[in-house]
Amino acid sequence: MSSVTTHYGSDGIVERMLAAIPDAKPDSLSAAQLYPFDQLHGRELIATQDHAARLAPSPTDRILDIGSGIGGPARFLAAA
């Protein structure tokens, strides 16, 4: 739990994230630009990709991502 608190609980997190993304403009960020920051779970983006492949949602499916933190997996699915 401390790594999650350290990752998300510090001052200026949004500013540091935007500074770490080349050419970041808050109104035009893509899901892929946020992957290094919003896939904070076991196996990170690879796990999300594996789950999405198993789920194989259609474009008309609705998915509720409960307990999603800042929404990385949901953002990945929406962008797919």
Protein backbone atom coordinates (compact mmCIF):
# COMPACT_ATOMS: atom_id res chain seq x y z
CA MET A 1 0.00 0.00 0.00
CA SER A 2 2.82 2.43 0.67
CA SER A 3 3.93 2.40 -2.98
CA VAL A 4 0.41 3.41 -4.03
CA THR A 5 0.34 6.18 -1.43
CA THR A 6 3.78 7.35 -2.52
CA HIS A 7 2.82 7.25 -6.21
CA TYR A 8 -0.50 9.09 -5.91
CA GLY A 9 -0.28 10.93 -2.61
CA SER A 10 2.39 13.53 -3.21
CA ASP A 11 1.97 17.21 -3.95
CA GLY A 12 2.17 18.35 -7.54
CA ILE A 13 1.51 14.92 -9.06
CA VAL A 14 -0.43 16.31 -12.03
CA GLU A 15 2.25 18.88 -12.80
CA ARG A 16 5.00 16.24 -12.61
CA MET A 17 3.04 13.88 -14.85
CA LEU A 18 2.49 16.58 -17.47
CA ALA A 19 6.17 17.56 -17.29
CA ALA A 20 7.16 13.93 -17.93
CA ILE A 21 5.06 13.67 -21.10
CA PRO A 22 6.63 15.36 -24.12
CA ASP A 23 4.31 17.95 -25.69
CA ALA A 24 1.65 17.32 -23.04
CA LYS A 25 -1.49 19.38 -23.36
CA PRO A 26 -4.09 18.46 -20.72
CA ASP A 27 -6.97 18.86 -23.18
CA SER A 28 -5.47 16.51 -25.76
CA LEU A 29 -3.73 13.71 -23.84
CA SER A 30 -4.16 10.24 -25.28
CA ALA A 31 -4.70 7.10 -23.23
CA ALA A 32 -1.31 5.81 -24.40
CA GLN A 33 0.46 8.90 -23.02
CA LEU A 34 -0.98 8.12 -19.58
CA TYR A 35 -0.10 4.39 -19.51
CA PRO A 36 3.14 4.90 -17.53
CA PHE A 37 1.09 6.58 -14.78
CA ASP A 38 -2.29 4.83 -14.71
CA GLN A 39 -1.42 1.13 -14.94
CA LEU A 40 -0.26 0.77 -11.32
CA HIS A 41 -1.19 -2.87 -10.72
CA GLY A 42 0.47 -6.26 -11.10
CA ARG A 43 2.01 -6.69 -14.58
CA GLU A 44 0.94 -3.12 -15.44
CA LEU A 45 -0.16 -2.54 -19.08
CA ILE A 46 0.50 -6.17 -20.06
CA ALA A 47 -2.12 -7.33 -17.54
CA THR A 48 -4.65 -4.84 -18.89
CA GLN A 49 -3.98 -6.00 -22.45
CA ASP A 50 -4.38 -9.66 -21.43
CA HIS A 51 -7.66 -8.98 -19.62
CA ALA A 52 -8.98 -7.00 -22.58
CA ALA A 53 -8.08 -9.82 -24.97
CA ARG A 54 -9.91 -12.35 -22.79
CA LEU A 55 -12.91 -10.08 -22.37
CA ALA A 56 -13.03 -9.20 -26.09
CA PRO A 57 -15.65 -6.46 -25.70
CA SER A 58 -17.62 -5.26 -28.70
CA PRO A 59 -17.88 -1.52 -29.44
CA THR A 60 -21.43 -1.47 -28.05
CA ASP A 61 -20.59 -3.19 -24.73
CA ARG A 62 -20.68 -1.19 -21.52
CA ILE A 63 -18.03 -1.98 -18.93
CA LEU A 64 -18.07 -0.86 -15.30
CA ASP A 65 -14.56 -0.65 -13.84
CA ILE A 66 -15.19 -0.80 -10.08
CA GLY A 67 -12.32 0.29 -7.86
CA SER A 68 -10.42 1.60 -10.86
CA GLY A 69 -8.21 4.13 -9.12
CA ILE A 70 -7.65 6.78 -11.77
CA GLY A 71 -9.21 4.64 -14.50
CA GLY A 72 -6.27 3.24 -16.46
CA PRO A 73 -7.89 -0.06 -17.52
CA ALA A 74 -11.18 1.67 -18.37
CA ARG A 75 -9.30 4.30 -20.39
CA PHE A 76 -7.42 1.52 -22.22
CA LEU A 77 -10.68 -0.27 -23.10
CA ALA A 78 -12.33 2.96 -24.23
CA ALA A 79 -9.39 3.77 -26.51
CA ALA A 80 -9.25 0.28 -28.05
